Amino acid sequence: MENPENLSAEELNERKEEMKTFYDESVPYLQSQLKYETLLTEVEEARFKRANLAYQWQMIMANTQAPEEGDSGSDSDIDKKNTPPTKDEKSDKRKLKKS
């Protein structure tokens, strides 16, 4: 490849025309590639959205089926209410003096 400084004005114009022709011929291929890449991106975005929605749905279902922490209807609270007080719990109450 010759150095552009060594080319005459006529040869330089010929090179420019060759480059312009090359790029003009390449445009349809590039447009096809752009269309392909755009469609591919849209497909991947749709897959991501679908996976994200499926994940959110699973989280909603898991949260609605699992008991909440600190729920007043838990089994441990029921057990505490139904058991009689222990000796230590009885001694914490104040007693009246008999006179």
C-alpha atoms as a PDB file:
ATOM      1  CA  MET A   1       0.000   0.000   0.000  1.00  0.00           C
ATOM      2  CA  GLU A   2       1.393   3.313  -0.998  1.00  0.00           C
ATOM      3  CA  ASN A   3       1.725   6.257   1.336  1.00  0.00           C
ATOM      4  CA  PRO A   4      -1.001   8.858   0.600  1.00  0.00           C
ATOM      5  CA  GLU A   5       1.688  11.544   0.524  1.00  0.00           C
ATOM      6  CA  ASN A   6       3.261   9.855  -2.514  1.00  0.00           C
ATOM      7  CA  LEU A   7       0.007   9.728  -4.505  1.00  0.00           C
ATOM      8  CA  SER A   8      -0.858  12.218  -7.169  1.00  0.00           C
ATOM      9  CA  ALA A   9      -4.120  14.160  -6.958  1.00  0.00           C
ATOM     10  CA  GLU A  10      -5.663  11.877  -9.589  1.00  0.00           C
ATOM     11  CA  GLU A  11      -4.643   8.696  -7.715  1.00  0.00           C
ATOM     12  CA  LEU A  12      -5.909  10.156  -4.450  1.00  0.00           C
ATOM     13  CA  ASN A  13      -9.310  10.919  -5.994  1.00  0.00           C
ATOM     14  CA  GLU A  14      -9.406   7.382  -7.411  1.00  0.00           C
ATOM     15  CA  ARG A  15      -8.719   5.944  -3.923  1.00  0.00           C
ATOM     16  CA  LYS A  16     -11.447   8.075  -2.392  1.00  0.00           C
ATOM     17  CA  GLU A  17     -13.905   6.865  -5.011  1.00  0.00           C
ATOM     18  CA  GLU A  18     -12.931   3.224  -4.331  1.00  0.00           C
ATOM     19  CA  MET A  19     -13.486   3.733  -0.603  1.00  0.00           C
ATOM     20  CA  LYS A  20     -16.846   5.418  -1.207  1.00  0.00           C
ATOM     21  CA  THR A  21     -17.939   2.553  -3.441  1.00  0.00           C
ATOM     22  CA  PHE A  22     -16.816  -0.008  -0.863  1.00  0.00           C
ATOM     23  CA  TYR A  23     -18.779   1.697   1.925  1.00  0.00           C
ATOM     24  CA  ASP A  24     -21.857   2.189  -0.252  1.00  0.00           C
ATOM     25  CA  GLU A  25     -21.830  -1.516  -1.122  1.00  0.00           C
ATOM     26  CA  SER A  26     -21.420  -2.459   2.549  1.00  0.00           C
ATOM     27  CA  VAL A  27     -24.413  -0.461   3.823  1.00  0.00           C
ATOM     28  CA  PRO A  28     -27.093  -3.080   2.996  1.00  0.00           C
ATOM     29  CA  TYR A  29     -25.099  -5.743   4.871  1.00  0.00           C
ATOM     30  CA  LEU A  30     -24.650  -3.440   7.831  1.00  0.00           C
ATOM     31  CA  GLN A  31     -28.366  -2.632   7.869  1.00  0.00           C
ATOM     32  CA  SER A  32     -29.161  -6.344   7.891  1.00  0.00           C
ATOM     33  CA  GLN A  33     -26.710  -6.857  10.732  1.00  0.00           C
ATOM     34  CA  LEU A  34     -28.261  -3.963  12.671  1.00  0.00           C
ATOM     35  CA  LYS A  35     -31.728  -5.440  12.212  1.00  0.00           C
ATOM     36  CA  TYR A  36     -30.457  -8.834  13.409  1.00  0.00           C
ATOM     37  CA  GLU A  37     -28.697  -7.376  16.458  1.00  0.00           C
ATOM     38  CA  THR A  38     -31.732  -5.264  17.361  1.00  0.00           C
ATOM     39  CA  LEU A  39     -34.056  -8.255  17.181  1.00  0.00           C
ATOM     40  CA  LEU A  40     -31.619 -10.356  19.198  1.00  0.00           C
ATOM     41  CA  THR A  41     -31.504  -7.670  21.891  1.00  0.00           C
ATOM     42  CA  GLU A  42     -35.304  -7.514  22.039  1.00  0.00           C
ATOM     43  CA  VAL A  43     -35.497 -11.301  22.415  1.00  0.00           C
ATOM     44  CA  GLU A  44     -32.983 -11.272  25.273  1.00  0.00           C
ATOM     45  CA  GLU A  45     -34.838  -8.420  27.001  1.00  0.00           C
ATOM     46  CA  ALA A  46     -38.093 -10.358  26.751  1.00  0.00           C
ATOM     47  CA  ARG A  47     -36.417 -13.446  28.239  1.00  0.00           C
ATOM     48  CA  PHE A  48     -35.025 -11.371  31.098  1.00  0.00           C
ATOM     49  CA  LYS A  49     -38.417  -9.815  31.826  1.00  0.00           C
ATOM     50  CA  ARG A  50     -40.109 -13.224  31.792  1.00  0.00           C
ATOM     51  CA  ALA A  51     -37.493 -14.687  34.154  1.00  0.00           C
ATOM     52  CA  ASN A  52     -37.771 -11.650  36.428  1.00  0.00           C
ATOM     53  CA  LEU A  53     -41.562 -11.946  36.587  1.00  0.00           C
ATOM     54  CA  ALA A  54     -41.299 -15.662  37.348  1.00  0.00           C
ATOM     55  CA  TYR A  55     -38.868 -14.896  40.180  1.00  0.00           C
ATOM     56  CA  GLN A  56     -41.153 -12.183  41.585  1.00  0.00           C
ATOM     57  CA  TRP A  57     -44.122 -14.549  41.434  1.00  0.00           C
ATOM     58  CA  GLN A  58     -42.160 -17.202  43.324  1.00  0.00           C
ATOM     59  CA  MET A  59     -41.229 -14.664  46.004  1.00  0.00           C
ATOM     60  CA  ILE A  60     -44.867 -13.584  46.377  1.00  0.00           C
ATOM     61  CA  MET A  61     -46.020 -17.174  46.677  1.00  0.00           C
ATOM     62  CA  ALA A  62     -43.285 -17.997  49.195  1.00  0.00           C
ATOM     63  CA  ASN A  63     -44.179 -14.966  51.320  1.00  0.00           C
ATOM     64  CA  THR A  64     -47.894 -15.755  51.330  1.00  0.00           C
ATOM     65  CA  GLN A  65     -47.374 -19.393  52.266  1.00  0.00           C
ATOM     66  CA  ALA A  66     -44.725 -18.932  54.974  1.00  0.00           C
ATOM     67  CA  PRO A  67     -45.810 -17.784  58.471  1.00  0.00           C
ATOM     68  CA  GLU A  68     -44.601 -14.347  59.419  1.00  0.00           C
ATOM     69  CA  GLU A  69     -42.095 -13.869  62.223  1.00  0.00           C
ATOM     70  CA  GLY A  70     -43.713 -12.470  65.348  1.00  0.00           C
ATOM     71  CA  ASP A  71     -47.130 -13.661  64.217  1.00  0.00           C
ATOM     72  CA  SER A  72     -49.507 -13.697  67.213  1.00  0.00           C
ATOM     73  CA  GLY A  73     -50.962 -17.038  66.168  1.00  0.00           C
ATOM     74  CA  SER A  74     -47.742 -19.014  66.348  1.00  0.00           C
ATOM     75  CA  ASP A  75     -47.598 -22.317  68.167  1.00  0.00           C
ATOM     76  CA  SER A  76     -45.092 -21.132  70.784  1.00  0.00           C
ATOM     77  CA  ASP A  77     -47.461 -18.357  71.959  1.00  0.00           C
ATOM     78  CA  ILE A  78     -50.321 -20.825  72.312  1.00  0.00           C
ATOM     79  CA  ASP A  79     -48.142 -23.167  74.351  1.00  0.00           C
ATOM     80  CA  LYS A  80     -47.163 -20.339  76.715  1.00  0.00           C
ATOM     81  CA  LYS A  81     -50.779 -19.362  77.360  1.00  0.00           C
ATOM     82  CA  ASN A  82     -51.937 -22.911  78.115  1.00  0.00           C
ATOM     83  CA  THR A  83     -49.164 -23.927  80.509  1.00  0.00           C
ATOM     84  CA  PRO A  84     -49.573 -23.304  84.227  1.00  0.00           C
ATOM     85  CA  PRO A  85     -47.128 -20.836  85.798  1.00  0.00           C
ATOM     86  CA  THR A  86     -43.939 -22.283  87.177  1.00  0.00           C
ATOM     87  CA  LYS A  87     -42.747 -21.871  90.772  1.00  0.00           C
ATOM     88  CA  ASP A  88     -40.536 -18.924  89.775  1.00  0.00           C
ATOM     89  CA  GLU A  89     -43.386 -17.163  88.045  1.00  0.00           C
ATOM     90  CA  LYS A  90     -45.588 -17.555  91.136  1.00  0.00           C
ATOM     91  CA  SER A  91     -42.978 -16.056  93.452  1.00  0.00           C
ATOM     92  CA  ASP A  92     -42.798 -12.877  91.359  1.00  0.00           C
ATOM     93  CA  LYS A  93     -46.323 -11.910  92.403  1.00  0.00           C
ATOM     94  CA  ARG A  94     -46.799  -9.670  95.412  1.00  0.00           C
ATOM     95  CA  LYS A  95     -48.348 -11.220  98.459  1.00  0.00           C
ATOM     96  CA  LEU A  96     -50.436  -9.563 101.153  1.00  0.00           C
ATOM     97  CA  LYS A  97     -49.375  -9.873 104.731  1.00  0.00           C
ATOM     98  CA  LYS A  98     -51.797 -11.555 107.066  1.00  0.00           C
ATOM     99  CA  SER A  99     -52.344  -9.685 110.262  1.00  0.00           C
END
